């Protein structure tokens, strides 16, 4: 029987998601009101019955460790596990991970103990739902050594992605990494019959195949292609393998989004609250799992809420919330207004005594204060926003940068984890 070992690449410093990654690894960034980014690839693996999973990371891994250990607990009959492998020094290796391929190479000693027949390589910053067991079956039937998951994209989208050309049997024959807008890549076009399965409506604007950064390797092939000093799968290992080995493409036509930047992260989260979100969290057959917090239901008092999501355990009083995502344990006081806001919530509730102590010091309580108005912003965990603040609603030219107790990235205001915004502040 095939034995698949799933490896989630947690990324490096997560600079594109900074300051959300200031105090946590990229896979541990809160998402969708109650999840973490890492829940997406792990859930897809579990739904495919691939339950031996490693997460590779090396920066700020404490939060990720806590989430994994509190969430993914298998019984003794499952023979499954989800474990974080942070970069470590050994007698053979004393350096940090230098890239995605290097991270896998340096952990072979751990992987060999599981005796896998195949490796499933995944990214930790993407949103999608797919059946990896179907991808594995197609990989085996094709006789390929490597299968690359790919999705149809337009010429405009191709600029930021790795583009592959496939023949009539879906075998990859060439690869271009992030072609510039002016580059002529007409020869990379793929026939519609390959891009879209029978019965699926074709999209004539999407004529190229983009790598999703999801790969299946035969175990022996993985050993061979990493027997070198190359450090990155997308830039080096896969392009070389296409020219030398049997590499197949697995065409995926569902929703897929790389959420590795602040703008993409913000827009993808708010889209979840729209009337017809691009990604469906309400799929009972292939659920997305996360930590069970055993929180009470959210309490809503005299509020106007539309096109928004609210996580459990929140208390919202006399507020107006539009096109927003409100995370777990969020406290929103009377008269507050949120428009286009992702509020991640809090890790704990403050006691009444602690609130009185904070008030004596002039420190706002965790949550959003009375009469505060927030627009186009990300509010990280445990943030304290005082009464009467105006955030993002005044029409001024906002330059990206670090402003001390808040950041602006891609024009989006970010209140950092444990951030404090005094009452009456205007941003």
Protein backbone atom coordinates (compact mmCIF):
# COMPACT_ATOMS: atom_id res chain seq x y z
CA UNK A 1 0.00 0.00 0.00
CA UNK A 2 1.04 3.58 -0.63
CA UNK A 3 2.18 5.44 2.45
CA UNK A 4 2.08 9.19 2.01
CA UNK A 5 4.06 11.53 4.24
CA UNK A 6 2.70 15.08 4.07
CA UNK A 7 5.09 17.98 4.55
CA UNK A 8 3.80 21.53 5.02
CA UNK A 9 6.40 24.18 4.26
CA UNK A 10 5.88 26.88 6.84
CA UNK A 11 8.02 29.45 5.09
CA UNK A 12 10.78 31.64 6.45
CA UNK A 13 10.44 34.97 8.24
CA UNK A 14 7.11 35.69 6.55
CA UNK A 15 8.21 39.20 5.57
CA UNK A 16 5.33 39.62 3.10
CA UNK A 17 2.84 39.16 5.97
CA UNK A 18 4.71 41.37 8.44
CA UNK A 19 3.70 42.66 11.01
CA UNK A 20 1.25 39.76 11.40
CA UNK A 21 4.32 37.52 11.54
CA UNK A 22 6.19 39.72 14.03
CA UNK A 23 5.46 37.37 16.95
CA UNK A 24 4.37 34.17 15.22
CA UNK A 25 5.28 31.84 12.37
CA UNK A 26 3.42 32.42 9.12
CA UNK A 27 1.35 29.19 9.38
CA UNK A 28 0.09 30.33 12.80
CA UNK A 29 -1.43 33.62 11.54
CA UNK A 30 -5.16 33.72 12.47
CA UNK A 31 -7.52 33.39 9.51
CA UNK A 32 -11.25 33.49 8.86
CA UNK A 33 -12.25 34.52 12.38
CA UNK A 34 -11.39 31.24 14.11
CA UNK A 35 -8.76 29.34 12.09
CA UNK A 36 -5.02 29.51 11.49
CA UNK A 37 -3.43 29.42 8.03
CA UNK A 38 -1.91 26.02 8.74
CA UNK A 39 -5.39 24.52 9.27
CA UNK A 40 -6.00 24.65 5.49
CA UNK A 41 -3.29 22.22 4.29
CA UNK A 42 -3.65 20.00 7.37
CA UNK A 43 -7.42 19.70 6.90
CA UNK A 44 -7.01 18.82 3.22
CA UNK A 45 -4.57 16.07 4.24
CA UNK A 46 -6.88 14.67 6.93
CA UNK A 47 -9.85 14.67 4.55
CA UNK A 48 -7.76 12.56 2.14
CA UNK A 49 -6.82 10.21 5.01
CA UNK A 50 -3.18 11.34 4.84
CA UNK A 51 -2.65 11.61 8.58
CA UNK A 52 1.12 11.62 8.96
CA UNK A 53 2.02 15.29 8.69
CA UNK A 54 5.10 17.36 9.41
CA UNK A 55 5.19 21.18 9.52
CA UNK A 56 8.61 22.67 8.70
CA UNK A 57 9.38 26.09 10.13
CA UNK A 58 12.19 28.02 11.80
CA UNK A 59 10.91 31.42 12.95
CA UNK A 60 8.69 32.25 15.96
CA UNK A 61 7.44 28.67 16.19
CA UNK A 62 6.08 28.74 19.80
CA UNK A 63 2.57 29.87 18.79
CA UNK A 64 2.49 27.27 16.02
CA UNK A 65 3.59 24.53 18.43
CA UNK A 66 0.80 25.48 20.84
CA UNK A 67 -1.86 25.45 18.13
CA UNK A 68 -0.75 22.09 16.70
CA UNK A 69 -0.44 20.36 20.09
CA UNK A 70 -3.86 21.62 21.23
CA UNK A 71 -5.68 20.85 18.00
CA UNK A 72 -4.46 17.76 16.14
CA UNK A 73 -4.62 14.92 18.62
CA UNK A 74 -5.09 11.46 17.07
CA UNK A 75 -6.09 8.35 18.97
CA UNK A 76 -3.84 5.29 19.25
CA UNK A 77 -5.74 3.45 16.50
CA UNK A 78 -5.21 6.17 13.88
CA UNK A 79 -1.40 5.98 13.68
CA UNK A 80 -1.50 9.63 12.72
CA UNK A 81 0.37 12.70 13.88
CA UNK A 82 0.92 16.37 13.12
CA UNK A 83 4.32 17.55 14.29
CA UNK A 84 6.32 20.74 13.93
CA UNK A 85 9.93 20.31 12.83
CA UNK A 86 11.75 23.55 13.57
CA UNK A 87 15.24 24.07 12.20
CA UNK A 88 17.78 22.33 14.42
CA UNK A 89 21.51 21.92 14.60
CA UNK A 90 22.96 18.44 14.13
CA UNK A 91 26.45 17.06 13.64
CA UNK A 92 25.76 17.04 9.88
CA UNK A 93 23.96 20.42 9.59
CA UNK A 94 24.57 23.57 11.60
CA UNK A 95 22.80 26.09 9.30
CA UNK A 96 19.20 27.25 9.10
CA UNK A 97 16.87 26.18 6.30
CA UNK A 98 18.04 27.94 3.16
CA UNK A 99 14.91 27.25 1.10
CA UNK A 100 12.00 24.87 0.66
CA UNK A 101 14.06 22.04 -0.83
CA UNK A 102 16.84 22.53 1.71
CA UNK A 103 14.31 22.27 4.56
CA UNK A 104 13.11 18.88 3.29
CA UNK A 105 16.66 17.66 2.68
CA UNK A 106 17.73 18.47 6.24
CA UNK A 107 14.86 16.46 7.71
CA UNK A 108 15.30 13.21 5.79
CA UNK A 109 16.47 11.51 8.98
CA UNK A 110 13.03 12.15 10.51
CA UNK A 111 11.15 11.20 7.35
CA UNK A 112 12.97 7.90 6.87
CA UNK A 113 11.59 6.63 10.19
CA UNK A 114 8.10 6.64 8.63
CA UNK A 115 9.19 4.64 5.55
CA UNK A 116 6.98 6.57 3.09
CA UNK A 117 6.37 5.54 -0.49
CA UNK A 118 5.38 9.09 -1.47
CA UNK A 119 5.89 12.63 -0.24
CA UNK A 120 3.16 15.27 -0.50
CA UNK A 121 4.70 18.76 -0.39
CA UNK A 122 2.40 21.65 0.54
CA UNK A 123 2.61 25.39 1.13
CA UNK A 124 1.40 26.92 4.38
CA UNK A 125 -0.11 30.14 3.00
CA UNK A 126 -2.77 29.09 0.51
CA UNK A 127 -6.56 28.73 0.63
CA UNK A 128 -8.11 25.83 -1.28
CA UNK A 129 -9.99 22.56 -0.86
CA UNK A 130 -8.95 19.57 -2.96
CA UNK A 131 -8.94 15.78 -2.81
CA UNK A 132 -5.32 14.74 -2.43
CA UNK A 133 -6.27 11.07 -2.70
CA UNK A 134 -7.48 11.74 -6.25
CA UNK A 135 -4.21 13.52 -7.01
CA UNK A 136 -2.28 10.51 -5.68
CA UNK A 137 -4.34 8.06 -7.77
CA UNK A 138 -3.71 10.10 -10.90
CA UNK A 139 -0.01 10.28 -10.05
CA UNK A 140 0.24 6.50 -9.75
CA UNK A 141 -1.81 5.82 -12.87
CA UNK A 142 0.30 8.19 -14.96
CA UNK A 143 3.52 6.45 -13.98
CA UNK A 144 5.07 9.82 -13.14
CA UNK A 145 7.91 10.33 -10.70
CA UNK A 146 6.58 13.76 -9.72
CA UNK A 147 3.13 15.32 -10.03
CA UNK A 148 2.63 19.08 -9.79
CA UNK A 149 -0.80 20.48 -8.94
CA UNK A 150 -1.62 23.29 -11.37
CA UNK A 151 -4.52 25.65 -11.94
CA UNK A 152 -5.63 27.53 -15.09
CA UNK A 153 -4.74 31.24 -15.06
CA UNK A 154 -4.93 34.22 -17.40
CA UNK A 155 -1.92 36.01 -18.89
CA UNK A 156 -2.18 38.79 -16.29
CA UNK A 157 -2.16 36.28 -13.44
CA UNK A 158 0.78 34.40 -14.95
CA UNK A 159 3.21 37.20 -14.11
CA UNK A 160 3.49 36.24 -10.45
CA UNK A 161 3.44 32.47 -10.84
CA UNK A 162 5.44 29.54 -12.21
CA UNK A 163 3.94 28.62 -15.59
CA UNK A 164 4.08 25.10 -17.03
CA UNK A 165 3.34 23.70 -20.46
CA UNK A 166 1.81 20.23 -20.65
CA UNK A 167 1.30 17.82 -23.55
CA UNK A 168 -1.95 16.00 -24.41
CA UNK A 169 -1.28 13.44 -21.67
CA UNK A 170 -0.77 16.24 -19.09
CA UNK A 171 2.96 15.56 -18.91
CA UNK A 172 4.89 18.74 -18.09
CA UNK A 173 7.32 19.62 -20.88
CA UNK A 174 8.57 23.11 -19.97
CA UNK A 175 8.50 25.66 -17.17
CA UNK A 176 8.88 29.45 -16.82
CA UNK A 177 9.21 31.12 -13.41
CA UNK A 178 7.19 34.36 -13.05
CA UNK A 179 7.32 35.68 -16.63
CA UNK A 180 7.43 39.47 -16.90
CA UNK A 181 4.34 41.24 -18.33
CA UNK A 182 6.15 42.03 -21.57
CA UNK A 183 7.54 38.48 -22.06
CA UNK A 184 6.09 36.48 -24.95
CA UNK A 185 4.85 33.18 -23.51
CA UNK A 186 2.43 32.21 -26.28
CA UNK A 187 4.21 28.87 -26.63
CA UNK A 188 3.22 28.01 -23.02
CA UNK A 189 -0.51 28.00 -23.79
CA UNK A 190 -2.28 24.74 -22.99
CA UNK A 191 -5.30 23.37 -24.91
CA UNK A 192 -8.69 23.85 -23.24
CA UNK A 193 -9.24 20.08 -23.34
CA UNK A 194 -6.36 19.69 -20.87
CA UNK A 195 -7.24 22.65 -18.70
CA UNK A 196 -10.84 21.65 -18.12
CA UNK A 197 -12.28 18.24 -17.37
CA UNK A 198 -15.16 16.81 -19.35
CA UNK A 199 -18.39 18.58 -18.49
CA UNK A 200 -16.62 21.53 -16.85
CA UNK A 201 -17.20 24.93 -18.40
CA UNK A 202 -14.03 26.31 -19.98
CA UNK A 203 -12.78 29.83 -19.38
CA UNK A 204 -11.23 31.15 -22.59
CA UNK A 205 -9.30 33.85 -20.68
CA UNK A 206 -7.36 31.24 -18.72
CA UNK A 207 -4.99 29.57 -21.18
CA UNK A 208 -1.98 28.86 -18.98
CA UNK A 209 -1.18 26.35 -16.25
CA UNK A 210 0.28 27.78 -13.04
CA UNK A 211 2.01 25.68 -10.42
CA UNK A 212 0.19 25.74 -7.08
CA UNK A 213 3.32 24.80 -5.13
CA UNK A 214 1.76 21.41 -4.31
CA UNK A 215 3.78 18.33 -5.32
CA UNK A 216 3.70 14.56 -4.99
CA UNK A 217 7.07 12.80 -5.23
CA UNK A 218 7.88 9.13 -5.31
CA UNK A 219 10.03 8.63 -2.24
CA UNK A 220 13.07 7.39 -4.18
CA UNK A 221 12.72 10.27 -6.64
CA UNK A 222 12.73 12.78 -3.80
CA UNK A 223 16.03 11.37 -2.56
CA UNK A 224 17.55 11.68 -6.04
CA UNK A 225 16.38 15.18 -6.93
CA UNK A 226 17.60 16.53 -3.56
CA UNK A 227 21.03 14.91 -3.81
CA UNK A 228 22.60 18.29 -4.61
CA UNK A 229 22.88 21.82 -3.23
CA UNK A 230 19.72 23.28 -4.78
CA UNK A 231 17.60 25.03 -2.18
CA UNK A 232 14.17 25.77 -3.72
CA UNK A 233 11.50 23.52 -5.25
CA UNK A 234 9.76 26.09 -7.44
CA UNK A 235 12.82 27.87 -8.81
CA UNK A 236 15.24 24.95 -9.17
CA UNK A 237 14.08 21.39 -8.38
CA UNK A 238 10.85 21.33 -10.42
CA UNK A 239 12.19 23.08 -13.58
CA UNK A 240 15.20 20.74 -13.66
CA UNK A 241 13.04 17.69 -13.01
CA UNK A 242 10.72 18.62 -15.91
CA UNK A 243 13.66 18.52 -18.29
CA UNK A 244 15.07 15.26 -16.94
CA UNK A 245 12.21 13.17 -15.48
CA UNK A 246 8.57 12.19 -15.93
CA UNK A 247 6.67 15.05 -14.32
CA UNK A 248 2.89 15.07 -14.60
CA UNK A 249 0.40 17.88 -13.99
CA UNK A 250 -2.71 17.53 -11.87
CA UNK A 251 -5.16 20.17 -13.10
CA UNK A 252 -7.21 21.75 -10.31
CA UNK A 253 -10.18 23.91 -11.33
CA UNK A 254 -11.50 24.87 -7.92
CA UNK A 255 -10.84 27.98 -5.85
CA UNK A 256 -7.17 28.55 -5.02
CA UNK A 257 -5.59 31.67 -3.59
CA UNK A 258 -2.06 32.44 -2.47
CA UNK A 259 -2.59 34.56 0.66
CA UNK A 260 1.06 35.32 1.34
CA UNK A 261 0.75 39.12 1.17
CA UNK A 262 -1.11 41.57 3.41
CA UNK A 263 -3.37 42.71 0.57
CA UNK A 264 -4.27 39.15 -0.46
CA UNK A 265 -4.72 38.14 3.19
CA UNK A 266 -7.06 41.08 3.87
CA UNK A 267 -9.13 40.68 0.71
CA UNK A 268 -9.44 36.91 1.05
CA UNK A 269 -10.66 37.20 4.64
CA UNK A 270 -13.29 39.81 3.81
CA UNK A 271 -14.45 37.77 0.82
CA UNK A 272 -15.40 35.00 3.26
CA UNK A 273 -18.08 37.32 4.64
CA UNK A 274 -19.57 38.22 1.24
CA UNK A 275 -22.94 36.97 0.02
CA UNK A 276 -21.33 34.44 -2.32
CA UNK A 277 -17.79 33.82 -1.04
CA UNK A 278 -15.27 32.32 -3.44
CA UNK A 279 -14.31 29.74 -0.83
CA UNK A 280 -16.97 27.69 0.98
CA UNK A 281 -16.24 26.94 4.63
CA UNK A 282 -19.69 25.35 4.92
CA UNK A 283 -18.78 21.99 3.35
CA UNK A 284 -19.59 19.15 5.75
CA UNK A 285 -17.99 16.53 3.52
CA UNK A 286 -14.57 18.21 3.53
CA UNK A 287 -14.46 20.42 6.64
CA UNK A 288 -11.65 22.72 7.70
CA UNK A 289 -10.55 21.77 11.22
CA UNK A 290 -9.20 23.98 13.97
CA UNK A 291 -8.79 24.21 17.74
CA UNK A 292 -11.93 23.48 19.78
CA UNK A 293 -12.14 26.32 22.27
CA UNK A 294 -15.46 25.38 23.92
CA UNK A 295 -16.53 29.02 23.96
CA UNK A 296 -20.09 30.28 24.49
CA UNK A 297 -22.16 31.54 21.60
CA UNK A 298 -21.65 35.13 20.47
CA UNK A 299 -23.95 37.64 22.19
CA UNK A 300 -25.37 40.41 19.99
CA UNK A 301 -27.19 43.34 21.63
CA UNK A 302 -29.07 45.92 19.49
CA UNK A 303 -26.67 45.68 16.54
CA UNK A 304 -26.73 46.15 12.80
CA UNK A 305 -24.61 43.45 11.17
CA UNK A 306 -24.46 42.68 7.45
CA UNK A 307 -22.15 40.61 5.23
CA UNK A 308 -19.99 39.76 8.21
CA UNK A 309 -18.73 36.76 10.17
CA UNK A 310 -18.55 36.61 13.96
CA UNK A 311 -16.47 34.08 15.83
CA UNK A 312 -17.77 32.38 18.94
CA UNK A 313 -17.44 33.87 22.40
CA UNK A 314 -17.82 37.49 21.30
CA UNK A 315 -19.98 40.19 22.90
CA UNK A 316 -21.13 42.94 20.54
CA UNK A 317 -23.27 45.79 21.85
CA UNK A 318 -25.12 48.49 19.90
CA UNK A 319 -22.60 48.35 17.05
CA UNK A 320 -22.70 48.66 13.27
CA UNK A 321 -20.65 46.02 11.47
CA UNK A 322 -20.45 45.79 7.67
CA UNK A 323 -18.28 43.66 5.39
CA UNK A 324 -16.12 42.51 8.29
CA UNK A 325 -14.81 39.44 10.08
CA UNK A 326 -14.95 39.42 13.88
CA UNK A 327 -12.75 36.83 15.56
CA UNK A 328 -13.24 34.84 18.76
CA UNK A 329 -13.70 36.60 22.13
CA UNK A 330 -14.04 40.03 20.51
CA UNK A 331 -15.61 42.66 22.75
CA UNK A 332 -17.16 45.58 20.84
CA UNK A 333 -18.63 48.36 22.92
CA UNK A 334 -21.66 50.59 22.33
CA UNK A 335 -21.62 52.93 19.35
CA UNK A 336 -18.67 51.29 17.61
CA UNK A 337 -18.66 50.94 13.84
CA UNK A 338 -16.63 48.53 11.67
CA UNK A 339 -16.52 48.62 7.88
CA UNK A 340 -14.10 46.39 5.98
CA UNK A 341 -12.30 45.20 9.12
CA UNK A 342 -10.74 41.89 10.05
CA UNK A 343 -10.64 41.82 13.85
CA UNK A 344 -8.81 38.68 15.01
CA UNK A 345 -10.24 38.74 18.53
CA UNK A 346 -8.49 37.73 21.74
CA UNK A 347 -6.80 34.76 23.37
CA UNK A 348 -8.46 35.33 26.74
CA UNK A 349 -11.09 37.31 28.65
CA UNK A 350 -10.01 39.97 31.10
CA UNK A 351 -11.39 39.79 34.63
CA UNK A 352 -13.42 42.67 36.07
CA UNK A 353 -10.59 43.44 38.48
CA UNK A 354 -8.08 43.60 35.62
CA UNK A 355 -10.32 45.99 33.70
CA UNK A 356 -10.52 48.33 36.71
CA UNK A 357 -6.75 48.17 37.05
CA UNK A 358 -6.35 49.05 33.36
CA UNK A 359 -8.77 51.96 33.66
CA UNK A 360 -6.76 53.37 36.55
CA UNK A 361 -3.67 53.31 34.35
CA UNK A 362 -5.47 54.80 31.36
CA UNK A 363 -5.09 51.59 29.36
CA UNK A 364 -8.10 50.55 27.22
CA UNK A 365 -9.68 47.14 27.69
CA UNK A 366 -9.08 44.41 25.13
CA UNK A 367 -11.45 44.95 22.23
CA UNK A 368 -12.97 48.00 20.56
CA UNK A 369 -14.10 50.92 22.70
CA UNK A 370 -17.26 53.00 22.74
CA UNK A 371 -17.96 55.15 19.71
CA UNK A 372 -14.83 54.01 17.89
CA UNK A 373 -15.02 53.90 14.09
CA UNK A 374 -12.72 51.60 12.11
CA UNK A 375 -12.51 51.17 8.35
CA UNK A 376 -10.19 49.13 6.08
CA UNK A 377 -8.03 47.66 8.81
CA UNK A 378 -6.65 44.47 10.32
CA UNK A 379 -6.79 44.32 14.12
CA UNK A 380 -4.53 41.59 15.49
CA UNK A 381 -5.09 39.47 18.61
CA UNK A 382 -5.49 41.07 22.05
CA UNK A 383 -5.44 44.63 20.64
CA UNK A 384 -6.79 47.41 22.86
CA UNK A 385 -8.56 50.23 21.04
CA UNK A 386 -9.89 52.99 23.28
CA UNK A 387 -13.12 54.97 23.17
CA UNK A 388 -13.79 57.52 20.46
CA UNK A 389 -11.03 56.51 18.04
CA UNK A 390 -11.25 57.19 14.30
CA UNK A 391 -9.21 54.68 12.32
CA UNK A 392 -9.04 54.75 8.53
CA UNK A 393 -12.07 56.95 7.91
CA UNK A 394 -10.43 60.33 7.24
CA UNK A 395 -9.42 60.91 3.63
CA UNK A 396 -5.68 61.41 3.86
CA UNK A 397 -2.76 60.16 1.82
CA UNK A 398 -1.57 57.14 3.78
CA UNK A 399 2.00 56.06 3.15
CA UNK A 400 3.03 52.50 3.95
CA UNK A 401 5.30 52.24 6.97
CA UNK A 402 5.79 51.65 10.70
CA UNK A 403 4.08 54.33 12.80
CA UNK A 404 4.97 53.01 16.24
CA UNK A 405 1.74 51.54 17.56
CA UNK A 406 0.38 50.67 14.12
CA UNK A 407 1.52 49.85 10.59
CA UNK A 408 0.21 50.63 7.12
CA UNK A 409 0.86 47.97 4.47
CA UNK A 410 -0.65 48.04 0.97
CA UNK A 411 -2.81 50.92 2.19
CA UNK A 412 -4.30 48.75 4.95
CA UNK A 413 -4.00 49.86 8.58
CA UNK A 414 -2.74 47.12 10.89
CA UNK A 415 -3.04 47.25 14.68
CA UNK A 416 -0.45 44.68 15.88
CA UNK A 417 -0.87 41.86 18.36
CA UNK A 418 -1.21 43.27 21.90
CA UNK A 419 -1.27 46.76 20.36
CA UNK A 420 -2.64 49.71 22.36
CA UNK A 421 -4.49 52.61 20.70
CA UNK A 422 -5.35 55.30 23.32
CA UNK A 423 -8.82 56.79 23.40
CA UNK A 424 -9.52 59.56 20.93
CA UNK A 425 -6.72 58.48 18.56
CA UNK A 426 -7.13 59.44 14.89
CA UNK A 427 -5.30 57.31 12.29
